[in-house]
C-alpha atoms as a PDB file:
ATOM      1  CA  MET A   1     -11.957  -5.745   0.726  1.00  0.00           C
ATOM      2  CA  GLU A   2     -12.480  -2.072   1.556  1.00  0.00           C
ATOM      3  CA  PRO A   3     -11.505  -0.836   4.998  1.00  0.00           C
ATOM      4  CA  SER A   4     -14.548  -0.064   7.138  1.00  0.00           C
ATOM      5  CA  SER A   5     -12.989   3.151   8.401  1.00  0.00           C
ATOM      6  CA  ALA A   6     -12.434   6.321   6.377  1.00  0.00           C
ATOM      7  CA  ARG A   7      -9.128   6.745   8.198  1.00  0.00           C
ATOM      8  CA  PRO A   8      -6.085   5.460   6.328  1.00  0.00           C
ATOM      9  CA  ARG A   9      -4.531   2.263   7.647  1.00  0.00           C
ATOM     10  CA  ILE A  10      -0.755   2.160   8.029  1.00  0.00           C
ATOM     11  CA  LEU A  11       1.225  -0.954   8.903  1.00  0.00           C
ATOM     12  CA  ILE A  12       4.701  -0.444  10.367  1.00  0.00           C
ATOM     13  CA  ALA A  13       6.790  -3.560   9.704  1.00  0.00           C
ATOM     14  CA  ASP A  14      10.100  -3.404  11.570  1.00  0.00           C
ATOM     15  CA  ASP A  15      11.847  -5.768  13.983  1.00  0.00           C
ATOM     16  CA  ASN A  16      13.446  -2.888  15.928  1.00  0.00           C
ATOM     17  CA  PRO A  17      11.085  -1.755  18.744  1.00  0.00           C
ATOM     18  CA  GLN A  18      12.773   1.668  18.962  1.00  0.00           C
ATOM     19  CA  GLY A  19      12.324   2.157  15.211  1.00  0.00           C
ATOM     20  CA  VAL A  20       8.638   1.239  15.459  1.00  0.00           C
ATOM     21  CA  GLU A  21       8.173   3.598  18.394  1.00  0.00           C
ATOM     22  CA  LEU A  22       9.828   6.454  16.490  1.00  0.00           C
ATOM     23  CA  LEU A  23       7.680   5.901  13.388  1.00  0.00           C
ATOM     24  CA  GLU A  24       4.530   5.740  15.528  1.00  0.00           C
ATOM     25  CA  ALA A  25       5.514   9.015  17.201  1.00  0.00           C
ATOM     26  CA  TYR A  26       6.143  10.679  13.821  1.00  0.00           C
ATOM     27  CA  LEU A  27       2.797   9.452  12.467  1.00  0.00           C
ATOM     28  CA  SER A  28       0.866  10.425  15.603  1.00  0.00           C
ATOM     29  CA  GLU A  29      -0.090  13.815  14.139  1.00  0.00           C
ATOM     30  CA  MET A  30      -1.833  12.113  11.222  1.00  0.00           C
ATOM     31  CA  ASP A  31      -5.426  10.919  11.459  1.00  0.00           C
ATOM     32  CA  CYS A  32      -4.760   7.236  10.753  1.00  0.00           C
ATOM     33  CA  ASP A  33      -4.976   3.755  12.225  1.00  0.00           C
ATOM     34  CA  ILE A  34      -1.635   2.073  12.870  1.00  0.00           C
ATOM     35  CA  ARG A  35      -0.673  -1.553  13.393  1.00  0.00           C
ATOM     36  CA  THR A  36       2.766  -3.089  13.692  1.00  0.00           C
ATOM     37  CA  ALA A  37       4.515  -6.300  12.696  1.00  0.00           C
ATOM     38  CA  ALA A  38       7.920  -7.506  13.886  1.00  0.00           C
ATOM     39  CA  ASP A  39       8.941  -9.809  11.031  1.00  0.00           C
ATOM     40  CA  GLY A  40       8.110 -10.673   7.440  1.00  0.00           C
ATOM     41  CA  GLU A  41       5.714 -13.530   8.209  1.00  0.00           C
ATOM     42  CA  GLU A  42       3.749 -11.428  10.682  1.00  0.00           C
ATOM     43  CA  THR A  43       3.655  -8.607   8.116  1.00  0.00           C
ATOM     44  CA  LEU A  44       2.033 -10.867   5.511  1.00  0.00           C
ATOM     45  CA  ARG A  45      -0.449 -12.189   8.086  1.00  0.00           C
ATOM     46  CA  VAL A  46      -1.479  -8.692   9.227  1.00  0.00           C
ATOM     47  CA  VAL A  47      -1.818  -7.540   5.615  1.00  0.00           C
ATOM     48  CA  GLY A  48      -4.145 -10.461   4.888  1.00  0.00           C
ATOM     49  CA  GLU A  49      -6.306  -9.755   7.929  1.00  0.00           C
ATOM     50  CA  TRP A  50      -6.296  -5.951   7.938  1.00  0.00           C
ATOM     51  CA  GLN A  51      -5.664  -4.732   4.358  1.00  0.00           C
ATOM     52  CA  PRO A  52      -3.630  -1.585   5.118  1.00  0.00           C
ATOM     53  CA  ASP A  53      -3.429   1.322   2.694  1.00  0.00           C
ATOM     54  CA  LEU A  54       0.305   1.767   3.275  1.00  0.00           C
ATOM     55  CA  ILE A  55       3.129  -0.346   4.661  1.00  0.00           C
ATOM     56  CA  LEU A  56       6.287   1.185   6.105  1.00  0.00           C
ATOM     57  CA  LEU A  57       8.493  -1.818   5.435  1.00  0.00           C
ATOM     58  CA  ASP A  58      11.943  -2.433   6.884  1.00  0.00           C
ATOM     59  CA  VAL A  59      14.181  -4.433   4.574  1.00  0.00           C
ATOM     60  CA  MET A  60      16.251  -6.367   7.106  1.00  0.00           C
ATOM     61  CA  MET A  61      13.715  -8.380   9.131  1.00  0.00           C
ATOM     62  CA  PRO A  62      13.729 -11.920  10.535  1.00  0.00           C
ATOM     63  CA  ARG A  63      12.103 -14.880   8.766  1.00  0.00           C
ATOM     64  CA  ILE A  64      11.233 -13.062   5.523  1.00  0.00           C
ATOM     65  CA  SER A  65      13.059  -9.965   4.309  1.00  0.00           C
ATOM     66  CA  GLY A  66      11.258  -6.785   3.328  1.00  0.00           C
ATOM     67  CA  PHE A  67      12.326  -7.384  -0.272  1.00  0.00           C
ATOM     68  CA  GLU A  68      10.593 -10.782  -0.281  1.00  0.00           C
ATOM     69  CA  VAL A  69       7.507  -9.399   1.504  1.00  0.00           C
ATOM     70  CA  CYS A  70       7.151  -6.683  -1.142  1.00  0.00           C
ATOM     71  CA  LYS A  71       7.628  -9.211  -3.944  1.00  0.00           C
ATOM     72  CA  ARG A  72       4.874 -11.441  -2.494  1.00  0.00           C
ATOM     73  CA  LEU A  73       2.518  -8.491  -2.024  1.00  0.00           C
ATOM     74  CA  ARG A  74       2.953  -7.461  -5.656  1.00  0.00           C
ATOM     75  CA  SER A  75       2.313 -10.991  -6.922  1.00  0.00           C
ATOM     76  CA  ASN A  76      -1.046 -11.255  -5.118  1.00  0.00           C
ATOM     77  CA  PRO A  77      -4.062  -9.552  -6.791  1.00  0.00           C
ATOM     78  CA  ARG A  78      -5.579  -8.768  -3.343  1.00  0.00           C
ATOM     79  CA  THR A  79      -2.471  -6.923  -2.125  1.00  0.00           C
ATOM     80  CA  ARG A  80      -0.691  -5.648  -5.210  1.00  0.00           C
ATOM     81  CA  ASP A  81      -2.091  -2.107  -4.929  1.00  0.00           C
ATOM     82  CA  ILE A  82      -1.089  -1.524  -1.295  1.00  0.00           C
ATOM     83  CA  ALA A  83       1.432   1.318  -1.168  1.00  0.00           C
ATOM     84  CA  VAL A  84       4.856   0.250   0.124  1.00  0.00           C
ATOM     85  CA  LEU A  85       7.449   2.649   1.519  1.00  0.00           C
ATOM     86  CA  MET A  86      10.680   0.827   2.274  1.00  0.00           C
ATOM     87  CA  VAL A  87      12.378   2.262   5.347  1.00  0.00           C
ATOM     88  CA  THR A  88      15.882   0.914   5.838  1.00  0.00           C
ATOM     89  CA  ALA A  89      19.457   1.504   6.910  1.00  0.00           C
ATOM     90  CA  LEU A  90      20.593   0.141   3.535  1.00  0.00           C
ATOM     91  CA  ASP A  91      21.728   2.985   1.331  1.00  0.00           C
ATOM     92  CA  GLN A  92      23.649   1.500  -1.564  1.00  0.00           C
ATOM     93  CA  PRO A  93      22.374   2.120  -5.118  1.00  0.00           C
ATOM     94  CA  SER A  94      22.040  -1.671  -5.542  1.00  0.00           C
ATOM     95  CA  ASP A  95      19.670  -1.776  -2.531  1.00  0.00           C
ATOM     96  CA  ILE A  96      17.481   0.918  -4.058  1.00  0.00           C
ATOM     97  CA  ASP A  97      17.563  -0.907  -7.406  1.00  0.00           C
ATOM     98  CA  ARG A  98      16.483  -4.142  -5.729  1.00  0.00           C
ATOM     99  CA  ALA A  99      13.665  -2.346  -3.883  1.00  0.00           C
ATOM    100  CA  VAL A 100      12.391  -0.951  -7.179  1.00  0.00           C
ATOM    101  CA  GLU A 101      12.671  -4.385  -8.828  1.00  0.00           C
ATOM    102  CA  VAL A 102      10.432  -5.985  -6.185  1.00  0.00           C
ATOM    103  CA  GLY A 103       7.847  -3.218  -6.530  1.00  0.00           C
ATOM    104  CA  THR A 104       8.314  -0.675  -3.750  1.00  0.00           C
ATOM    105  CA  ASP A 105       6.568   2.657  -4.286  1.00  0.00           C
ATOM    106  CA  ASP A 106       9.200   4.690  -2.454  1.00  0.00           C
ATOM    107  CA  PHE A 107      12.367   4.302  -0.405  1.00  0.00           C
ATOM    108  CA  LEU A 108      13.580   6.132   2.738  1.00  0.00           C
ATOM    109  CA  THR A 109      16.982   5.673   4.322  1.00  0.00           C
ATOM    110  CA  LYS A 110      17.449   5.677   8.091  1.00  0.00           C
ATOM    111  CA  PRO A 111      17.863   7.817  10.105  1.00  0.00           C
ATOM    112  CA  ILE A 112      14.414   9.068   9.152  1.00  0.00           C
ATOM    113  CA  ASN A 113      13.668  12.755   8.756  1.00  0.00           C
ATOM    114  CA  LYS A 114      10.175  13.363  10.154  1.00  0.00           C
ATOM    115  CA  THR A 115       9.185  15.976   7.550  1.00  0.00           C
ATOM    116  CA  GLU A 116      10.343  13.784   4.666  1.00  0.00           C
ATOM    117  CA  LEU A 117       8.522  10.755   6.105  1.00  0.00           C
ATOM    118  CA  LEU A 118       5.244  12.623   6.552  1.00  0.00           C
ATOM    119  CA  LEU A 119       5.463  14.141   3.085  1.00  0.00           C
ATOM    120  CA  ARG A 120       5.990  10.749   1.459  1.00  0.00           C
ATOM    121  CA  VAL A 121       3.316   9.040   3.564  1.00  0.00           C
ATOM    122  CA  ARG A 122       0.744  11.700   2.664  1.00  0.00           C
ATOM    123  CA  SER A 123       1.687  11.484  -1.008  1.00  0.00           C
ATOM    124  CA  LEU A 124       1.422   7.684  -1.104  1.00  0.00           C
ATOM    125  CA  LEU A 125      -1.908   7.726   0.749  1.00  0.00           C
ATOM    126  CA  LYS A 126      -3.261  10.347  -1.651  1.00  0.00           C
ATOM    127  CA  GLY A 127      -2.222   8.176  -4.608  1.00  0.00           C
ATOM    128  CA  ARG A 128      -3.938   5.168  -3.010  1.00  0.00           C
ATOM    129  CA  MET A 129      -7.131   7.202  -2.496  1.00  0.00           C
ATOM    130  CA  TYR A 130      -7.117   8.382  -6.131  1.00  0.00           C
ATOM    131  CA  LYS A 131      -6.592   4.797  -7.343  1.00  0.00           C
ATOM    132  CA  ARG A 132      -9.600   3.618  -5.302  1.00  0.00           C
ATOM    133  CA  GLU A 133     -11.762   6.432  -6.685  1.00  0.00           C
ATOM    134  CA  LEU A 134     -10.686   5.589 -10.228  1.00  0.00           C
ATOM    135  CA  ASP A 135     -11.412   1.884  -9.694  1.00  0.00           C
ATOM    136  CA  ARG A 136     -14.887   2.716  -8.343  1.00  0.00           C
ATOM    137  CA  ALA A 137     -15.615   5.020 -11.306  1.00  0.00           C
ATOM    138  CA  LEU A 138     -14.454   2.374 -13.793  1.00  0.00           C
ATOM    139  CA  ALA A 139     -16.613  -0.289 -12.126  1.00  0.00           C
ATOM    140  CA  TYR A 140     -19.599   2.078 -12.229  1.00  0.00           C
ATOM    141  CA  PHE A 141     -19.119   2.813 -15.938  1.00  0.00           C
ATOM    142  CA  GLN A 142     -18.650  -0.886 -16.724  1.00  0.00           C
ATOM    143  CA  ALA A 143     -21.910  -1.658 -14.924  1.00  0.00           C
ATOM    144  CA  ILE A 144     -23.702   1.047 -16.926  1.00  0.00           C
ATOM    145  CA  GLU A 145     -22.190  -0.299 -20.146  1.00  0.00           C
ATOM    146  CA  GLN A 146     -23.294  -3.850 -19.341  1.00  0.00           C
ATOM    147  CA  SER A 147     -26.757  -2.671 -18.387  1.00  0.00           C
ATOM    148  CA  ALA A 148     -27.098  -0.663 -21.602  1.00  0.00           C
ATOM    149  CA  GLY A 149     -25.836  -3.608 -23.649  1.00  0.00           C
ATOM    150  CA  GLN A 150     -28.364  -5.975 -22.101  1.00  0.00           C
ATOM    151  CA  SER A 151     -31.327  -3.643 -22.548  1.00  0.00           C
ATOM    152  CA  SER A 152     -30.534  -2.764 -26.179  1.00  0.00           C
ATOM    153  CA  GLY A 153     -29.617  -6.303 -27.197  1.00  0.00           C
ATOM    154  CA  ALA A 154     -33.206  -7.292 -28.001  1.00  0.00           C
ATOM    155  CA  SER A 155     -34.048  -4.419 -30.306  1.00  0.00           C
ATOM    156  CA  GLN A 156     -32.230  -2.718 -33.144  1.00  0.00           C
ATOM    157  CA  PRO A 157     -32.045   1.070 -33.357  1.00  0.00           C
ATOM    158  CA  PRO A 158     -34.301   2.541 -36.047  1.00  0.00           C
ATOM    159  CA  GLN A 159     -32.698   3.147 -39.454  1.00  0.00           C
ATOM    160  CA  SER A 160     -32.856   6.665 -40.832  1.00  0.00           C
END
């Protein structure tokens, strides 16, 4: 399902209200729509209803961890291409390894540097836009191929 707006959609999933507020403030200079979720279950529900382009996903959340949320997103064909930027206080190499294993696109450690956040968000959104354009082009060419195959199926090309 394509978003109806040309503006990118960003979901901030974090159980810390101050962390959400800070991320919203940092993202305020971007032309985007923002929603929030306070736990893993709410994150999955909002993703299903709203189809964001990017999720800023805290790892340590109630009910379902960010690791599990990311794993579920990647296992679902409808959500597997949503960009995920894990934003967390965890900073051990094993945490980063686990984030990569479950399919995160990028990883930021708290406290967040505004410039680094905005750079990564813009990069991930640009990648998402290019993926959509590529998917549309591939679908267009497949439709042309099918159409050409159907129209030439009844007659053989002349032999020279």
